[in-house]
N, C-alpha and C. Protein backbone atom coordinates (compact mmCIF):
# COMPACT_ATOMS: atom_id res chain seq x y z
N MET A 1 0.83 -1.19 0.00
CA MET A 1 0.00 0.00 0.00
C MET A 1 0.87 1.26 0.00
N ALA A 2 1.97 1.21 -0.67
CA ALA A 2 2.88 2.33 -0.65
C ALA A 2 2.25 3.61 -1.20
N TYR A 3 1.22 3.49 -1.99
CA TYR A 3 0.60 4.65 -2.62
C TYR A 3 -0.43 5.32 -1.74
N SER A 4 -0.73 4.77 -0.59
CA SER A 4 -1.87 5.26 0.17
C SER A 4 -1.55 6.46 1.05
N TYR A 5 -0.30 6.87 1.10
CA TYR A 5 0.09 8.12 1.74
C TYR A 5 -0.58 8.37 3.09
N GLY A 6 -0.23 7.58 4.08
CA GLY A 6 -0.77 7.80 5.41
C GLY A 6 -1.91 6.88 5.78
N LEU A 7 -2.47 6.19 4.84
CA LEU A 7 -3.56 5.29 5.15
C LEU A 7 -3.06 3.99 5.79
N HIS A 8 -1.76 3.74 5.72
CA HIS A 8 -1.18 2.56 6.37
C HIS A 8 -1.52 2.57 7.85
N ALA A 9 -1.25 3.70 8.47
CA ALA A 9 -1.47 3.83 9.92
C ALA A 9 -2.95 3.69 10.26
N THR A 10 -3.81 4.22 9.43
CA THR A 10 -5.24 4.10 9.67
C THR A 10 -5.68 2.64 9.59
N ALA A 11 -5.21 1.94 8.57
CA ALA A 11 -5.56 0.52 8.42
C ALA A 11 -5.03 -0.28 9.60
N LEU A 12 -3.79 -0.05 9.97
CA LEU A 12 -3.21 -0.76 11.10
C LEU A 12 -3.97 -0.47 12.39
N ALA A 13 -4.31 0.79 12.60
CA ALA A 13 -5.06 1.17 13.81
C ALA A 13 -6.41 0.46 13.86
N LEU A 14 -7.09 0.38 12.72
CA LEU A 14 -8.37 -0.31 12.70
C LEU A 14 -8.24 -1.80 12.98
N MET A 15 -7.13 -2.40 12.55
CA MET A 15 -6.95 -3.83 12.76
C MET A 15 -6.52 -4.17 14.18
N VAL A 16 -5.76 -3.28 14.82
CA VAL A 16 -5.27 -3.59 16.17
C VAL A 16 -6.18 -3.06 17.28
N THR A 17 -7.10 -2.19 16.95
CA THR A 17 -8.01 -1.61 17.94
C THR A 17 -9.34 -2.34 17.88
N ASP A 18 -9.86 -2.71 19.01
CA ASP A 18 -11.14 -3.40 19.02
C ASP A 18 -12.25 -2.38 18.83
N ALA A 19 -12.48 -2.03 17.57
CA ALA A 19 -13.46 -0.99 17.23
C ALA A 19 -14.65 -1.57 16.48
N ARG A 20 -14.91 -2.86 16.67
CA ARG A 20 -15.99 -3.51 15.94
C ARG A 20 -17.37 -2.93 16.26
N ALA A 21 -17.48 -2.32 17.42
CA ALA A 21 -18.76 -1.70 17.77
C ALA A 21 -19.04 -0.47 16.90
N VAL A 22 -17.97 0.10 16.35
CA VAL A 22 -18.09 1.30 15.54
C VAL A 22 -18.04 0.98 14.04
N PHE A 23 -17.16 0.07 13.65
CA PHE A 23 -16.96 -0.27 12.24
C PHE A 23 -17.25 -1.75 12.01
N ASP A 24 -18.12 -2.03 11.08
CA ASP A 24 -18.52 -3.40 10.78
C ASP A 24 -17.72 -3.92 9.59
N HIS A 25 -16.57 -4.50 9.89
CA HIS A 25 -15.76 -5.14 8.86
C HIS A 25 -14.96 -6.24 9.53
N ILE A 26 -14.77 -7.35 8.83
CA ILE A 26 -14.11 -8.51 9.42
C ILE A 26 -12.68 -8.23 9.88
N LEU A 27 -11.98 -7.31 9.23
CA LEU A 27 -10.60 -7.00 9.63
C LEU A 27 -10.51 -6.08 10.84
N VAL A 28 -11.54 -5.29 11.07
CA VAL A 28 -11.50 -4.35 12.20
C VAL A 28 -11.38 -5.14 13.49
N GLY A 29 -10.32 -4.86 14.23
CA GLY A 29 -10.07 -5.52 15.50
C GLY A 29 -9.50 -6.91 15.38
N SER A 30 -9.27 -7.39 14.17
CA SER A 30 -8.83 -8.78 13.98
C SER A 30 -7.43 -9.05 14.53
N TRP A 31 -6.63 -8.01 14.70
CA TRP A 31 -5.29 -8.18 15.26
C TRP A 31 -5.20 -7.66 16.69
N SER A 32 -6.32 -7.31 17.27
CA SER A 32 -6.33 -6.77 18.62
C SER A 32 -5.70 -7.77 19.59
N GLY A 33 -4.66 -7.36 20.28
CA GLY A 33 -3.97 -8.21 21.25
C GLY A 33 -2.93 -9.14 20.68
N ASP A 34 -2.79 -9.16 19.36
CA ASP A 34 -1.81 -10.05 18.72
C ASP A 34 -0.46 -9.38 18.59
N PRO A 35 0.63 -10.15 18.66
CA PRO A 35 1.95 -9.59 18.36
C PRO A 35 2.05 -9.27 16.87
N LEU A 36 2.77 -8.22 16.52
CA LEU A 36 2.89 -7.80 15.13
C LEU A 36 4.34 -7.75 14.69
N SER A 37 4.56 -8.06 13.42
CA SER A 37 5.84 -7.84 12.76
C SER A 37 5.51 -7.06 11.49
N VAL A 38 6.14 -5.94 11.32
CA VAL A 38 5.87 -5.10 10.16
C VAL A 38 7.07 -5.20 9.22
N LEU A 39 6.80 -5.56 7.96
CA LEU A 39 7.85 -5.72 6.96
C LEU A 39 7.61 -4.76 5.82
N GLY A 40 8.71 -4.36 5.20
CA GLY A 40 8.61 -3.56 3.99
C GLY A 40 8.68 -4.46 2.78
N ASP A 41 8.88 -3.86 1.64
CA ASP A 41 9.00 -4.63 0.41
C ASP A 41 10.46 -4.86 0.04
N ASP A 42 11.34 -4.73 1.01
CA ASP A 42 12.77 -4.91 0.77
C ASP A 42 13.06 -6.37 0.43
N PRO A 43 14.15 -6.60 -0.32
CA PRO A 43 14.51 -7.99 -0.63
C PRO A 43 14.88 -8.74 0.66
N ILE A 44 14.82 -10.06 0.56
CA ILE A 44 15.19 -10.89 1.70
C ILE A 44 16.66 -10.64 2.04
N PRO A 45 16.97 -10.43 3.31
CA PRO A 45 18.38 -10.26 3.68
C PRO A 45 19.17 -11.52 3.32
N GLU A 46 20.41 -11.34 2.92
CA GLU A 46 21.22 -12.48 2.51
C GLU A 46 21.77 -13.24 3.70
N ASP A 47 21.60 -12.72 4.89
CA ASP A 47 22.07 -13.38 6.10
C ASP A 47 21.22 -14.62 6.37
N PRO A 48 21.82 -15.84 6.25
CA PRO A 48 21.04 -17.05 6.47
C PRO A 48 20.56 -17.19 7.92
N GLU A 49 21.13 -16.43 8.81
CA GLU A 49 20.73 -16.48 10.21
C GLU A 49 19.48 -15.65 10.48
N ASP A 50 19.04 -14.89 9.52
CA ASP A 50 17.88 -14.02 9.71
C ASP A 50 16.59 -14.83 9.53
N THR A 51 16.42 -15.84 10.36
CA THR A 51 15.29 -16.75 10.21
C THR A 51 13.97 -16.12 10.63
N LYS A 52 14.00 -15.19 11.57
CA LYS A 52 12.75 -14.55 11.99
C LYS A 52 12.13 -13.79 10.81
N TRP A 53 12.95 -13.05 10.08
CA TRP A 53 12.44 -12.30 8.92
C TRP A 53 11.87 -13.25 7.90
N ARG A 54 12.60 -14.34 7.61
CA ARG A 54 12.14 -15.31 6.62
C ARG A 54 10.82 -15.95 7.06
N ARG A 55 10.70 -16.29 8.32
CA ARG A 55 9.48 -16.92 8.82
C ARG A 55 8.28 -15.99 8.64
N VAL A 56 8.45 -14.76 9.02
CA VAL A 56 7.35 -13.81 8.89
C VAL A 56 7.01 -13.59 7.42
N LYS A 57 8.01 -13.44 6.59
CA LYS A 57 7.78 -13.18 5.17
C LYS A 57 7.04 -14.32 4.48
N TYR A 58 7.36 -15.56 4.84
CA TYR A 58 6.80 -16.70 4.11
C TYR A 58 5.64 -17.41 4.80
N GLU A 59 5.43 -17.18 6.07
CA GLU A 59 4.37 -17.89 6.77
C GLU A 59 3.12 -17.06 7.00
N PHE A 60 3.20 -15.76 6.78
CA PHE A 60 2.06 -14.92 7.07
C PHE A 60 1.54 -14.27 5.79
N GLU A 61 0.30 -13.92 5.82
CA GLU A 61 -0.39 -13.39 4.66
C GLU A 61 -0.18 -11.89 4.49
N ASN A 62 0.00 -11.46 3.25
CA ASN A 62 0.02 -10.04 2.93
C ASN A 62 -1.44 -9.60 2.85
N VAL A 63 -1.85 -8.71 3.73
CA VAL A 63 -3.25 -8.31 3.80
C VAL A 63 -3.49 -6.94 3.17
N SER A 64 -2.58 -6.49 2.34
CA SER A 64 -2.69 -5.16 1.75
C SER A 64 -4.03 -4.93 1.04
N PHE A 65 -4.42 -5.85 0.17
CA PHE A 65 -5.66 -5.66 -0.58
C PHE A 65 -6.88 -5.74 0.34
N LYS A 66 -6.83 -6.63 1.32
CA LYS A 66 -7.92 -6.72 2.28
C LYS A 66 -8.01 -5.43 3.11
N ALA A 67 -6.86 -4.85 3.43
CA ALA A 67 -6.85 -3.60 4.20
C ALA A 67 -7.44 -2.45 3.38
N ILE A 68 -7.15 -2.42 2.09
CA ILE A 68 -7.73 -1.39 1.23
C ILE A 68 -9.25 -1.55 1.20
N SER A 69 -9.71 -2.78 1.06
CA SER A 69 -11.15 -3.04 1.07
C SER A 69 -11.77 -2.58 2.38
N MET A 70 -11.10 -2.86 3.49
CA MET A 70 -11.61 -2.44 4.79
C MET A 70 -11.72 -0.93 4.88
N LEU A 71 -10.67 -0.23 4.47
CA LEU A 71 -10.70 1.24 4.53
C LEU A 71 -11.86 1.80 3.72
N CYS A 72 -12.05 1.28 2.51
CA CYS A 72 -13.12 1.78 1.65
C CYS A 72 -14.50 1.42 2.19
N ALA A 73 -14.59 0.30 2.88
CA ALA A 73 -15.88 -0.12 3.43
C ALA A 73 -16.26 0.69 4.67
N VAL A 74 -15.28 1.06 5.49
CA VAL A 74 -15.62 1.80 6.72
C VAL A 74 -15.81 3.28 6.47
N ASP A 75 -15.20 3.81 5.40
CA ASP A 75 -15.35 5.23 5.09
C ASP A 75 -15.09 5.43 3.60
N GLU A 76 -16.13 5.73 2.85
CA GLU A 76 -15.99 5.88 1.40
C GLU A 76 -15.07 7.04 1.01
N GLY A 77 -14.77 7.92 1.96
CA GLY A 77 -13.81 8.99 1.70
C GLY A 77 -12.44 8.44 1.36
N TYR A 78 -12.08 7.31 1.97
CA TYR A 78 -10.80 6.68 1.65
C TYR A 78 -10.80 6.19 0.21
N ALA A 79 -11.92 5.62 -0.22
CA ALA A 79 -12.04 5.17 -1.62
C ALA A 79 -11.87 6.36 -2.56
N HIS A 80 -12.50 7.47 -2.21
CA HIS A 80 -12.40 8.67 -3.04
C HIS A 80 -10.95 9.12 -3.15
N GLN A 81 -10.22 9.14 -2.03
CA GLN A 81 -8.81 9.55 -2.04
C GLN A 81 -7.99 8.65 -2.96
N MET A 82 -8.20 7.35 -2.85
CA MET A 82 -7.41 6.42 -3.65
C MET A 82 -7.78 6.50 -5.13
N ILE A 83 -9.06 6.66 -5.43
CA ILE A 83 -9.51 6.79 -6.82
C ILE A 83 -8.90 8.05 -7.45
N GLU A 84 -8.87 9.12 -6.69
CA GLU A 84 -8.28 10.36 -7.19
C GLU A 84 -6.82 10.15 -7.58
N LYS A 85 -6.08 9.46 -6.74
CA LYS A 85 -4.67 9.16 -7.05
C LYS A 85 -4.54 8.18 -8.21
N ALA A 86 -5.47 7.24 -8.29
CA ALA A 86 -5.43 6.23 -9.36
C ALA A 86 -5.64 6.84 -10.74
N SER A 87 -6.25 8.01 -10.80
CA SER A 87 -6.43 8.66 -12.11
C SER A 87 -5.09 9.09 -12.70
N ARG A 88 -4.05 9.16 -11.85
CA ARG A 88 -2.71 9.55 -12.30
C ARG A 88 -1.69 8.42 -12.14
N ASP A 89 -2.14 7.26 -11.68
CA ASP A 89 -1.20 6.19 -11.34
C ASP A 89 -1.79 4.84 -11.78
N GLU A 90 -1.28 4.30 -12.89
CA GLU A 90 -1.81 3.06 -13.43
C GLU A 90 -1.62 1.88 -12.47
N GLN A 91 -0.50 1.86 -11.76
CA GLN A 91 -0.26 0.79 -10.78
C GLN A 91 -1.35 0.79 -9.71
N LEU A 92 -1.68 1.95 -9.21
CA LEU A 92 -2.72 2.06 -8.20
C LEU A 92 -4.08 1.67 -8.78
N PHE A 93 -4.35 2.09 -10.01
CA PHE A 93 -5.60 1.70 -10.67
C PHE A 93 -5.73 0.18 -10.72
N VAL A 94 -4.66 -0.49 -11.12
CA VAL A 94 -4.68 -1.96 -11.20
C VAL A 94 -4.84 -2.56 -9.80
N ASP A 95 -4.15 -2.01 -8.82
CA ASP A 95 -4.29 -2.52 -7.45
C ASP A 95 -5.73 -2.38 -6.95
N LEU A 96 -6.35 -1.26 -7.22
CA LEU A 96 -7.73 -1.05 -6.77
C LEU A 96 -8.69 -2.00 -7.51
N GLY A 97 -8.44 -2.21 -8.80
CA GLY A 97 -9.24 -3.18 -9.54
C GLY A 97 -9.06 -4.59 -8.99
N THR A 98 -7.85 -4.91 -8.59
CA THR A 98 -7.57 -6.22 -7.99
C THR A 98 -8.29 -6.37 -6.66
N VAL A 99 -8.37 -5.30 -5.89
CA VAL A 99 -9.13 -5.34 -4.64
C VAL A 99 -10.58 -5.72 -4.93
N VAL A 100 -11.16 -5.08 -5.92
CA VAL A 100 -12.56 -5.36 -6.28
C VAL A 100 -12.72 -6.81 -6.73
N HIS A 101 -11.80 -7.29 -7.57
CA HIS A 101 -11.93 -8.64 -8.12
C HIS A 101 -11.53 -9.73 -7.14
N ALA A 102 -10.47 -9.52 -6.39
CA ALA A 102 -9.94 -10.59 -5.53
C ALA A 102 -10.56 -10.60 -4.13
N VAL A 103 -10.88 -9.43 -3.61
CA VAL A 103 -11.38 -9.33 -2.23
C VAL A 103 -12.86 -8.97 -2.21
N GLY A 104 -13.21 -8.05 -3.08
CA GLY A 104 -14.58 -7.53 -3.12
C GLY A 104 -14.70 -6.27 -2.28
N CYS A 105 -15.33 -5.28 -2.85
CA CYS A 105 -15.57 -4.03 -2.13
C CYS A 105 -16.54 -3.19 -2.96
N ALA A 106 -17.81 -3.27 -2.62
CA ALA A 106 -18.85 -2.57 -3.39
C ALA A 106 -18.63 -1.06 -3.44
N PRO A 107 -18.27 -0.39 -2.31
CA PRO A 107 -18.06 1.06 -2.39
C PRO A 107 -16.92 1.44 -3.35
N LEU A 108 -15.85 0.65 -3.33
CA LEU A 108 -14.73 0.92 -4.23
C LEU A 108 -15.12 0.66 -5.67
N GLU A 109 -15.83 -0.40 -5.92
CA GLU A 109 -16.27 -0.70 -7.28
C GLU A 109 -17.16 0.43 -7.83
N ALA A 110 -18.05 0.93 -7.00
CA ALA A 110 -18.93 2.04 -7.42
C ALA A 110 -18.11 3.29 -7.73
N LYS A 111 -17.09 3.56 -6.92
CA LYS A 111 -16.24 4.74 -7.16
C LYS A 111 -15.43 4.57 -8.44
N LEU A 112 -14.93 3.34 -8.70
CA LEU A 112 -14.20 3.09 -9.94
C LEU A 112 -15.10 3.33 -11.15
N GLN A 113 -16.32 2.83 -11.07
CA GLN A 113 -17.25 3.01 -12.18
C GLN A 113 -17.59 4.47 -12.39
N LYS A 114 -17.78 5.19 -11.30
CA LYS A 114 -18.12 6.61 -11.43
C LYS A 114 -16.95 7.41 -12.00
N ALA A 115 -15.74 7.12 -11.54
CA ALA A 115 -14.57 7.89 -11.97
C ALA A 115 -14.08 7.51 -13.37
N PHE A 116 -14.14 6.22 -13.71
CA PHE A 116 -13.55 5.74 -14.96
C PHE A 116 -14.58 5.26 -15.97
N GLY A 117 -15.84 5.33 -15.61
CA GLY A 117 -16.90 4.95 -16.54
C GLY A 117 -17.27 3.48 -16.42
N PRO A 118 -18.34 3.10 -17.11
CA PRO A 118 -18.86 1.73 -16.99
C PRO A 118 -17.90 0.67 -17.53
N HIS A 119 -16.91 1.09 -18.30
CA HIS A 119 -15.96 0.12 -18.88
C HIS A 119 -14.61 0.14 -18.16
N TRP A 120 -14.62 0.56 -16.89
CA TRP A 120 -13.37 0.59 -16.12
C TRP A 120 -12.72 -0.79 -16.07
N ASN A 121 -13.53 -1.83 -16.07
CA ASN A 121 -13.00 -3.19 -15.97
C ASN A 121 -12.21 -3.58 -17.22
N ARG A 122 -12.62 -3.07 -18.36
CA ARG A 122 -11.87 -3.32 -19.59
C ARG A 122 -10.48 -2.70 -19.49
N ARG A 123 -10.43 -1.48 -18.98
CA ARG A 123 -9.13 -0.82 -18.78
C ARG A 123 -8.27 -1.63 -17.80
N TYR A 124 -8.89 -2.10 -16.74
CA TYR A 124 -8.18 -2.92 -15.75
C TYR A 124 -7.61 -4.17 -16.42
N GLN A 125 -8.41 -4.86 -17.22
CA GLN A 125 -7.95 -6.08 -17.88
C GLN A 125 -6.83 -5.81 -18.88
N ASP A 126 -6.87 -4.64 -19.53
CA ASP A 126 -5.80 -4.27 -20.46
C ASP A 126 -4.50 -3.96 -19.72
N LEU A 127 -4.61 -3.28 -18.60
CA LEU A 127 -3.42 -2.86 -17.86
C LEU A 127 -2.83 -3.95 -16.98
N PHE A 128 -3.65 -4.86 -16.50
CA PHE A 128 -3.21 -5.86 -15.54
C PHE A 128 -1.96 -6.61 -16.00
N PRO A 129 -1.93 -7.17 -17.23
CA PRO A 129 -0.74 -7.92 -17.64
C PRO A 129 0.52 -7.04 -17.72
N LYS A 130 0.36 -5.78 -18.08
CA LYS A 130 1.51 -4.88 -18.19
C LYS A 130 2.05 -4.54 -16.80
N ILE A 131 1.16 -4.27 -15.86
CA ILE A 131 1.55 -3.84 -14.52
C ILE A 131 2.06 -5.01 -13.69
N ARG A 132 1.43 -6.15 -13.80
CA ARG A 132 1.75 -7.31 -12.96
C ARG A 132 2.83 -8.21 -13.54
N SER A 133 3.43 -7.82 -14.66
CA SER A 133 4.45 -8.69 -15.26
C SER A 133 5.78 -8.52 -14.58
């Protein structure tokens, strides 16, 4: 979620805070009380002794797309912010389309259709192979 400019902290806060009474989403509060390891997109360290990093990298799920879906579901303003940036960033456009297709998010899908027209999915399908290669 490198493109979300500050939304990382919001997503993390929603996942670690037991705020289910306020926000109805499966990820909200799902990490409440759990230990966390935060990783970047850096390459694996070449140190073979760095087993903790390797374990976290390969045994745990990347929840980036699910977190984007959560943000858009709890406050459509987040969807609007990301759609606005996606109009200038093809990578972000593809990521948001992937959220809709892989995770599901009705508010985000509606914003994509409004911003990019009823054929936004065609654009997504055209760009996906170029961006994800």
